[in-house]
Protein backbone atom coordinates (compact mmCIF):
# COMPACT_ATOMS: atom_id res chain seq x y z
CA MET A 1 -55.64 28.61 33.50
CA GLN A 2 -55.05 25.20 33.88
CA ASP A 3 -56.20 22.96 36.85
CA LEU A 4 -53.93 20.44 38.56
CA LYS A 5 -54.89 17.06 39.48
CA VAL A 6 -53.25 15.66 42.64
CA THR A 7 -53.14 12.19 43.89
CA ILE A 8 -51.83 11.43 47.55
CA ALA A 9 -50.54 7.54 48.06
CA GLN A 10 -51.08 6.72 51.94
CA SER A 11 -49.30 3.36 52.21
CA MET A 12 -47.39 1.47 55.00
CA LEU A 13 -43.52 0.96 54.27
CA HIS A 14 -41.51 -1.96 54.47
CA TRP A 15 -38.59 -1.55 57.39
CA GLU A 16 -35.56 -0.29 55.71
CA ASP A 17 -36.16 -2.29 52.40
CA ALA A 18 -35.96 0.00 49.16
CA GLU A 19 -36.71 -2.54 46.72
CA ALA A 20 -39.62 -4.03 48.91
CA ASN A 21 -40.74 -0.89 48.89
CA ARG A 22 -40.18 -0.12 45.25
CA ARG A 23 -42.06 -3.01 43.94
CA MET A 24 -45.04 -2.44 46.26
CA PHE A 25 -45.47 1.21 45.38
CA GLU A 26 -44.92 0.24 41.45
CA THR A 27 -48.03 -2.01 41.97
CA LYS A 28 -50.32 0.44 43.58
CA LEU A 29 -49.26 3.26 40.76
CA ALA A 30 -50.00 1.65 37.86
CA ILE A 31 -53.77 2.51 37.81
CA LEU A 32 -52.71 6.10 37.85
CA ALA A 33 -51.53 6.34 34.48
CA GLY A 34 -52.34 9.10 32.44
CA LYS A 35 -55.08 10.18 35.58
CA THR A 36 -53.35 12.51 37.52
CA ASP A 37 -50.70 15.36 36.82
CA VAL A 38 -48.83 14.65 40.74
CA VAL A 39 -48.48 11.74 42.59
CA VAL A 40 -47.30 12.25 46.21
CA LEU A 41 -45.51 9.50 48.26
CA PRO A 42 -44.38 9.44 51.96
CA GLU A 43 -41.26 10.77 53.67
CA MET A 44 -38.63 8.01 53.23
CA PHE A 45 -40.84 6.13 51.25
CA THR A 46 -37.89 3.49 50.45
CA THR A 47 -37.04 2.57 54.10
CA GLY A 48 -39.21 4.05 56.48
CA PHE A 49 -38.01 6.82 58.98
CA SER A 50 -34.47 4.83 59.39
CA MET A 51 -31.78 6.73 61.03
CA ARG A 52 -29.04 3.98 59.27
CA SER A 53 -28.25 6.34 56.60
CA ASP A 54 -24.73 5.66 56.03
CA GLU A 55 -25.76 1.93 55.30
CA LEU A 56 -28.85 2.69 53.61
CA ALA A 57 -28.22 5.98 51.45
CA GLU A 58 -28.14 6.08 47.70
CA ASP A 59 -26.44 8.54 45.25
CA MET A 60 -28.49 10.20 42.46
CA THR A 61 -27.44 7.82 39.81
CA GLY A 62 -28.81 4.59 42.37
CA PRO A 63 -32.02 2.53 41.60
CA THR A 64 -34.76 4.64 43.69
CA VAL A 65 -33.73 7.84 41.23
CA ARG A 66 -33.92 5.67 38.01
CA TRP A 67 -37.07 4.16 39.70
CA MET A 68 -38.53 7.23 40.16
CA ARG A 69 -37.94 8.68 36.33
CA GLU A 70 -39.61 5.12 35.12
CA GLN A 71 -42.70 5.72 37.68
CA ALA A 72 -42.95 9.57 36.21
CA LYS A 73 -42.51 8.29 32.35
CA LYS A 74 -44.93 5.57 32.65
CA LEU A 75 -47.92 7.64 34.57
CA ASP A 76 -47.30 10.84 32.44
CA ALA A 77 -46.89 12.88 36.13
CA ALA A 78 -44.65 13.83 38.21
CA VAL A 79 -43.55 12.31 41.49
CA TYR A 80 -42.45 13.50 44.85
CA GLY A 81 -41.28 11.68 47.54
CA SER A 82 -38.11 12.16 49.89
CA VAL A 83 -35.08 9.62 50.24
CA ILE A 84 -32.06 9.05 52.31
CA ILE A 85 -29.75 10.34 49.71
CA THR A 86 -25.65 10.80 49.82
CA GLU A 87 -23.61 13.19 48.35
CA GLY A 88 -20.38 14.82 48.80
CA GLY A 89 -19.83 12.57 51.79
CA LYS A 90 -23.12 13.88 53.31
CA CYS A 91 -26.45 12.08 53.88
CA PHE A 92 -29.66 14.19 53.32
CA ASN A 93 -33.35 13.39 53.77
CA ARG A 94 -34.17 14.82 50.15
CA GLY A 95 -37.41 15.55 48.88
CA LEU A 96 -37.02 14.62 44.51
CA PHE A 97 -39.66 16.08 42.31
CA VAL A 98 -39.37 14.23 39.32
CA LYS A 99 -41.24 14.96 36.06
CA PRO A 100 -41.69 12.74 33.09
CA ASP A 101 -39.32 14.10 31.06
CA GLY A 102 -36.72 12.83 33.65
CA GLN A 103 -35.74 15.94 35.51
CA VAL A 104 -35.50 16.14 38.79
CA THR A 105 -35.86 18.68 41.32
CA VAL A 106 -34.33 18.28 44.83
CA TYR A 107 -34.99 19.66 48.08
CA ASP A 108 -33.38 18.63 51.42
CA LYS A 109 -34.85 18.75 54.33
CA ARG A 110 -34.66 21.87 56.24
CA HIS A 111 -35.81 21.22 59.66
CA LEU A 112 -34.26 17.86 60.92
CA PHE A 113 -36.18 16.06 63.37
CA ARG A 114 -33.46 16.18 66.55
CA PHE A 115 -35.62 14.43 69.09
CA ALA A 116 -35.07 11.22 67.18
CA ASN A 117 -31.76 12.15 66.36
CA GLU A 118 -31.94 12.80 62.87
CA THR A 119 -29.47 15.85 63.41
CA ASP A 120 -26.97 13.26 64.08
CA HIS A 121 -27.34 10.87 61.00
CA TYR A 122 -28.46 14.20 57.88
CA SER A 123 -27.50 17.11 57.29
CA ALA A 124 -29.75 19.80 56.58
CA GLY A 125 -30.54 21.59 53.42
CA SER A 126 -30.34 25.60 53.25
CA GLU A 127 -32.69 26.39 50.32
CA ARG A 128 -36.44 26.82 50.02
CA VAL A 129 -37.66 25.16 46.76
CA VAL A 130 -40.10 25.87 44.55
CA VAL A 131 -40.75 23.62 41.35
CA ASP A 132 -42.75 24.86 38.54
CA TRP A 133 -45.15 22.36 36.84
CA ARG A 134 -47.98 22.47 34.43
CA GLY A 135 -48.38 25.98 35.11
CA TRP A 136 -48.51 25.34 38.75
CA ARG A 137 -45.64 27.00 41.13
CA ILE A 138 -45.36 24.39 44.04
CA LEU A 139 -42.99 24.59 46.97
CA LEU A 140 -41.73 21.40 48.49
CA GLN A 141 -41.69 20.55 51.97
CA ILE A 142 -40.75 17.41 54.16
CA CYS A 143 -42.57 16.48 57.61
CA PHE A 144 -41.07 18.37 60.49
CA ASP A 145 -40.98 21.72 58.35
CA LEU A 146 -44.39 21.86 59.08
CA ARG A 147 -43.87 23.64 62.68
CA PHE A 148 -41.86 26.34 61.16
CA PRO A 149 -44.35 28.40 59.02
CA VAL A 150 -41.89 31.33 58.45
CA PHE A 151 -39.73 28.91 56.26
CA ALA A 152 -42.91 27.87 54.33
CA ARG A 153 -44.27 31.77 54.27
CA ASN A 154 -45.88 32.32 50.70
CA ARG A 155 -43.70 35.52 49.38
CA SER A 156 -46.42 35.27 46.34
CA ASP A 157 -43.83 32.70 44.38
CA TYR A 158 -46.27 29.64 45.01
CA ASP A 159 -49.46 27.96 44.61
CA ALA A 160 -49.41 24.72 46.59
CA MET A 161 -47.44 22.97 49.15
CA LEU A 162 -46.51 19.25 49.25
CA TYR A 163 -45.87 18.06 52.39
CA VAL A 164 -44.73 14.05 52.91
CA ALA A 165 -44.02 12.79 56.28
CA ASN A 166 -43.33 10.05 58.72
CA TRP A 167 -45.60 11.10 61.54
CA PRO A 168 -46.67 9.40 64.52
CA GLU A 169 -49.82 8.92 66.05
CA ALA A 170 -49.54 9.88 69.14
CA ARG A 171 -48.94 13.87 67.63
CA ARG A 172 -51.92 13.24 64.84
CA TYR A 173 -53.69 16.49 66.28
CA PRO A 174 -50.82 19.17 65.16
CA TRP A 175 -50.61 17.10 61.64
CA SER A 176 -53.80 17.81 60.83
CA HIS A 177 -54.11 20.96 62.23
CA LEU A 178 -51.15 22.42 61.03
CA LEU A 179 -51.33 21.55 57.70
CA ILE A 180 -55.14 23.70 57.81
CA ALA A 181 -52.95 26.69 58.86
CA ARG A 182 -50.18 26.35 56.27
CA ALA A 183 -53.35 26.18 53.58
CA ILE A 184 -54.94 29.27 55.42
CA GLU A 185 -52.14 31.59 56.29
CA ASN A 186 -50.69 31.33 52.65
CA GLN A 187 -53.78 30.82 50.27
CA CYS A 188 -52.71 27.83 48.80
CA TYR A 189 -53.43 24.30 48.14
CA VAL A 190 -51.99 21.85 50.58
CA ALA A 191 -51.53 18.00 50.11
CA GLY A 192 -49.93 16.51 52.79
CA VAL A 193 -48.97 12.48 52.58
CA ASN A 194 -47.99 10.55 55.60
CA ARG A 195 -46.93 6.68 56.48
CA VAL A 196 -49.31 4.27 57.85
CA GLY A 197 -48.98 1.19 60.22
CA MET A 198 -45.61 -0.02 62.50
CA ASP A 199 -42.17 0.86 61.76
CA GLY A 200 -39.39 -1.19 62.82
CA LYS A 201 -38.84 0.97 66.07
CA GLY A 202 -41.97 0.10 67.04
CA ILE A 203 -43.96 3.69 66.24
CA HIS A 204 -47.51 3.71 64.89
CA TYR A 205 -48.46 5.84 62.03
CA THR A 206 -52.44 5.92 61.14
CA GLY A 207 -51.83 8.37 58.11
CA ASP A 208 -54.08 11.09 58.49
CA SER A 209 -53.36 12.37 54.62
CA VAL A 210 -55.28 15.11 53.37
CA VAL A 211 -55.61 17.44 50.70
CA ILE A 212 -57.09 20.85 51.67
CA ASP A 213 -58.28 24.00 49.79
CA PRO A 214 -56.93 27.69 49.79
CA ARG A 215 -59.56 28.14 52.48
CA GLY A 216 -59.19 25.86 55.22
CA ALA A 217 -61.31 23.27 53.44
CA VAL A 218 -60.76 19.39 53.60
CA ILE A 219 -61.28 18.62 49.90
CA GLY A 220 -59.50 15.40 49.65
CA GLN A 221 -58.41 12.67 52.30
CA VAL A 222 -57.58 8.80 52.70
CA GLU A 223 -59.32 7.06 55.78
CA PRO A 224 -56.72 7.03 58.85
CA SER A 225 -54.90 3.79 59.24
CA MET A 226 -55.86 2.23 55.88
CA GLU A 227 -53.48 2.24 52.71
CA GLY A 228 -55.25 3.87 49.65
CA THR A 229 -54.76 6.87 47.49
CA ALA A 230 -57.38 10.21 46.97
CA SER A 231 -57.33 12.09 43.85
CA VAL A 232 -57.99 16.02 43.93
CA THR A 233 -58.18 18.40 41.29
CA PHE A 234 -56.05 21.97 42.47
CA ASP A 235 -58.85 24.86 40.49
CA ARG A 236 -56.78 27.39 39.24
CA GLU A 237 -59.66 29.75 38.49
CA ALA A 238 -61.30 29.34 42.11
CA LEU A 239 -57.48 30.24 43.93
CA GLU A 240 -57.07 33.42 41.50
CA ASP A 241 -60.57 34.54 42.47
CA PHE A 242 -60.25 33.86 45.88
CA ARG A 243 -56.92 35.58 45.99
CA ALA A 244 -58.08 38.57 43.80
CA LYS A 245 -61.28 39.34 46.26
CA PHE A 246 -59.42 38.93 49.43
CA PRO A 247 -55.76 39.61 49.37
CA VAL A 248 -54.58 39.31 52.62
CA ALA A 249 -50.71 39.32 50.85
CA LEU A 250 -51.07 43.12 50.71
CA GLU A 251 -50.77 43.40 54.55
CA ALA A 252 -47.99 40.78 55.20
CA ASP A 253 -44.55 41.66 57.03
CA ASP A 254 -41.46 41.74 55.18
CA PHE A 255 -38.67 39.30 56.50
CA GLU A 256 -35.45 37.63 55.52
CA LEU A 257 -34.80 34.54 56.49
CA LYS A 258 -30.79 34.03 57.91
CA TRP A 259 -29.16 30.59 59.14
């Protein structure tokens, strides 16, 4: 039974400047080489939460996917974050889980944030995505997905969840408490990574990036409003032991998702 070391990277973002953000994160992540298994970046980490999808979108052969492959190889770790991607004439807020061998697992954000007009500029995903990495099954999620527990419901098919976000300070209380709820109800580890600073629309972010264990305890965090990283070990034996001694999933309701 293998443990998994996960590093959350809380940062400001250069507004709509992908090259500057790639350079910034490359510098920040360099010290993690060989020291972690997963690095989690914020939502839309190359641009901030921009609605200029047509102008800013890259394709899957573009510079950011190439950069993520390079970083994963250098770090010997998987790298997860979301990027504006165009494919088939549509734009997606796409989560990219990139492994050191260059393999890319894609998750397109299912729940778009209508209140910021994300639904007008992006197409919603339709697939719930679990990726296997170093013996762990990991559910990929993006920002507003956090408010929809049915979509994230553990069907005994994952061990951890990763949330990447641009979640404003004005709603920081739901962010912090819903992350804890997702960990408790699904008996899994949860890592939530949010940005800090002011974006190009004048919206302020305090980060509040955390790692939570299956009992709902915060076991790692980056100080609010500060840039930084935190590395936490997901304990496989502790997870399996907790699930075995308190198997709440045995009483779970059956359901089927339709859209």
